[in-house]
C-alpha atoms as a PDB file:
ATOM      1  CA  MET A   1      -4.046  17.978 -20.395  1.00  0.00           C
ATOM      2  CA  ASP A   2      -1.716  15.004 -20.026  1.00  0.00           C
ATOM      3  CA  ALA A   3      -1.323  13.644 -16.468  1.00  0.00           C
ATOM      4  CA  ILE A   4       2.428  14.308 -16.492  1.00  0.00           C
ATOM      5  CA  GLU A   5       1.888  17.914 -17.552  1.00  0.00           C
ATOM      6  CA  LYS A   6      -0.700  18.306 -14.796  1.00  0.00           C
ATOM      7  CA  LEU A   7       1.663  16.813 -12.186  1.00  0.00           C
ATOM      8  CA  VAL A   8       4.396  19.285 -13.158  1.00  0.00           C
ATOM      9  CA  GLN A   9       1.907  22.170 -13.203  1.00  0.00           C
ATOM     10  CA  GLU A  10       0.824  21.199  -9.663  1.00  0.00           C
ATOM     11  CA  GLY A  11       4.395  21.272  -8.359  1.00  0.00           C
ATOM     12  CA  PHE A  12       5.440  17.614  -8.583  1.00  0.00           C
ATOM     13  CA  SER A  13       9.044  16.874  -9.581  1.00  0.00           C
ATOM     14  CA  LEU A  14       9.798  14.028 -11.971  1.00  0.00           C
ATOM     15  CA  ARG A  15      12.847  11.799 -12.051  1.00  0.00           C
ATOM     16  CA  SER A  16      13.958   8.354 -13.065  1.00  0.00           C
ATOM     17  CA  LEU A  17      15.493   5.858 -10.673  1.00  0.00           C
ATOM     18  CA  ALA A  18      18.207   3.474 -11.822  1.00  0.00           C
ATOM     19  CA  THR A  19      16.615   0.629  -9.869  1.00  0.00           C
ATOM     20  CA  TYR A  20      13.273   1.149 -11.683  1.00  0.00           C
ATOM     21  CA  PRO A  21      14.223   2.015 -15.282  1.00  0.00           C
ATOM     22  CA  ARG A  22      10.706   1.490 -16.675  1.00  0.00           C
ATOM     23  CA  HIS A  23       8.989   3.669 -14.088  1.00  0.00           C
ATOM     24  CA  LEU A  24       8.745   7.372 -13.385  1.00  0.00           C
ATOM     25  CA  ALA A  25       9.216   8.718  -9.859  1.00  0.00           C
ATOM     26  CA  VAL A  26       7.093  11.704  -8.833  1.00  0.00           C
ATOM     27  CA  GLU A  27       8.005  13.752  -5.769  1.00  0.00           C
ATOM     28  CA  LYS A  28       6.418  16.508  -3.715  1.00  0.00           C
ATOM     29  CA  TYR A  29       6.420  17.447  -0.002  1.00  0.00           C
ATOM     30  CA  ASN A  30       9.414  15.096   0.487  1.00  0.00           C
ATOM     31  CA  CYS A  31       7.201  12.177  -0.564  1.00  0.00           C
ATOM     32  CA  ALA A  32       7.447  10.004  -3.665  1.00  0.00           C
ATOM     33  CA  ALA A  33       5.682   7.326  -5.688  1.00  0.00           C
ATOM     34  CA  LEU A  34       6.520   5.310  -8.778  1.00  0.00           C
ATOM     35  CA  LEU A  35       4.267   5.513 -11.826  1.00  0.00           C
ATOM     36  CA  GLU A  36       4.043   3.242 -14.831  1.00  0.00           C
ATOM     37  CA  PHE A  37       2.575   3.912 -18.258  1.00  0.00           C
ATOM     38  CA  LYS A  38      -0.269   1.533 -19.078  1.00  0.00           C
ATOM     39  CA  PRO A  39      -1.781   0.484 -22.397  1.00  0.00           C
ATOM     40  CA  GLY A  40      -4.461   2.947 -23.303  1.00  0.00           C
ATOM     41  CA  GLY A  41      -2.249   5.927 -22.552  1.00  0.00           C
ATOM     42  CA  LYS A  42      -2.770   6.312 -18.826  1.00  0.00           C
ATOM     43  CA  TRP A  43      -0.337   6.594 -15.932  1.00  0.00           C
ATOM     44  CA  LYS A  44      -0.991   4.423 -12.883  1.00  0.00           C
ATOM     45  CA  GLN A  45       0.699   4.238  -9.521  1.00  0.00           C
ATOM     46  CA  PHE A  46       3.077   1.253  -9.582  1.00  0.00           C
ATOM     47  CA  SER A  47       3.766   0.854  -5.882  1.00  0.00           C
ATOM     48  CA  ALA A  48       2.841   2.331  -2.553  1.00  0.00           C
ATOM     49  CA  ALA A  49       3.873   5.934  -2.041  1.00  0.00           C
ATOM     50  CA  GLY A  50       6.211   6.809   0.774  1.00  0.00           C
ATOM     51  CA  TYR A  51       8.251   9.451   2.527  1.00  0.00           C
ATOM     52  CA  LEU A  52      11.788  10.119   1.286  1.00  0.00           C
ATOM     53  CA  LEU A  53      14.491   9.055   3.742  1.00  0.00           C
ATOM     54  CA  ASP A  54      18.094   9.310   2.580  1.00  0.00           C
ATOM     55  CA  GLY A  55      16.879   9.417  -1.027  1.00  0.00           C
ATOM     56  CA  GLN A  56      14.867   6.187  -0.712  1.00  0.00           C
ATOM     57  CA  ILE A  57      11.102   5.697  -0.584  1.00  0.00           C
ATOM     58  CA  ALA A  58      10.258   4.750   3.005  1.00  0.00           C
ATOM     59  CA  LEU A  59       6.884   3.033   3.258  1.00  0.00           C
ATOM     60  CA  LEU A  60       4.244   3.617   5.907  1.00  0.00           C
ATOM     61  CA  LEU A  61       4.314   0.598   8.243  1.00  0.00           C
ATOM     62  CA  ASP A  62       3.284  -0.492  11.700  1.00  0.00           C
ATOM     63  CA  ARG A  63       6.358  -1.400  13.737  1.00  0.00           C
ATOM     64  CA  ARG A  64       6.325  -2.271  17.403  1.00  0.00           C
ATOM     65  CA  GLY A  65       2.827  -0.883  17.789  1.00  0.00           C
ATOM     66  CA  ARG A  66       3.445   2.485  16.148  1.00  0.00           C
ATOM     67  CA  ARG A  67       3.235   3.892  12.636  1.00  0.00           C
ATOM     68  CA  VAL A  68       6.529   4.771  10.965  1.00  0.00           C
ATOM     69  CA  PHE A  69       7.938   5.498   7.548  1.00  0.00           C
ATOM     70  CA  ALA A  70      10.594   2.822   7.096  1.00  0.00           C
ATOM     71  CA  TYR A  71      13.244   1.856   4.576  1.00  0.00           C
ATOM     72  CA  LYS A  72      15.481  -1.003   5.703  1.00  0.00           C
ATOM     73  CA  SER A  73      16.731  -0.013   9.169  1.00  0.00           C
ATOM     74  CA  ASN A  74      15.953   3.708   8.715  1.00  0.00           C
ATOM     75  CA  GLU A  75      12.669   4.919  10.102  1.00  0.00           C
ATOM     76  CA  LEU A  76      10.815   8.113  10.915  1.00  0.00           C
ATOM     77  CA  PRO A  77       7.722   8.366  13.135  1.00  0.00           C
ATOM     78  CA  ALA A  78       4.629   8.822  10.958  1.00  0.00           C
ATOM     79  CA  GLU A  79       3.217  11.804  12.775  1.00  0.00           C
ATOM     80  CA  GLY A  80       2.969  15.582  12.612  1.00  0.00           C
ATOM     81  CA  GLU A  81       4.134  17.379   9.499  1.00  0.00           C
ATOM     82  CA  ALA A  82       5.613  14.260   7.873  1.00  0.00           C
ATOM     83  CA  LEU A  83       2.285  12.407   8.052  1.00  0.00           C
ATOM     84  CA  GLU A  84       0.303  15.474   6.948  1.00  0.00           C
ATOM     85  CA  ASN A  85       2.587  15.942   3.928  1.00  0.00           C
ATOM     86  CA  PHE A  86       2.290  12.262   3.040  1.00  0.00           C
ATOM     87  CA  GLN A  87      -1.508  12.378   3.189  1.00  0.00           C
ATOM     88  CA  ARG A  88      -1.605  15.585   1.099  1.00  0.00           C
ATOM     89  CA  PHE A  89       0.776  13.996  -1.438  1.00  0.00           C
ATOM     90  CA  GLN A  90      -1.456  10.928  -1.711  1.00  0.00           C
ATOM     91  CA  ARG A  91      -4.620  13.005  -2.192  1.00  0.00           C
ATOM     92  CA  GLU A  92      -3.112  15.268  -4.836  1.00  0.00           C
ATOM     93  CA  LEU A  93      -1.484  12.417  -6.766  1.00  0.00           C
ATOM     94  CA  GLN A  94      -4.649  10.303  -6.778  1.00  0.00           C
ATOM     95  CA  SER A  95      -6.771  13.258  -7.855  1.00  0.00           C
ATOM     96  CA  ILE A  96      -4.574  13.872 -10.896  1.00  0.00           C
ATOM     97  CA  LEU A  97      -4.318  10.195 -11.855  1.00  0.00           C
ATOM     98  CA  GLU A  98      -8.068   9.642 -11.518  1.00  0.00           C
ATOM     99  CA  ALA A  99      -8.805  12.651 -13.735  1.00  0.00           C
ATOM    100  CA  GLN A 100      -7.057  11.088 -16.769  1.00  0.00           C
END
């Protein structure tokens, strides 16, 4: 099964982003990552995954001694359900990409 088909089967949503026209965004659990198609027919993660804040991918960072998901001046504490969903997203995405 193709990785994209598997992602959809596992509940990931797919969309394109105008700012990244050559990449595919995958979303689940309010988290997202960009994928790119590589020679040899495989999909690879293009950039770090993050949590969606105001429709943008907020990256996991350390700011002022605490972990947050941040995009520009917007940030969300990286704890509780948000962090659990992010970790689950990462595990599921990597499992599917590694199985190609």
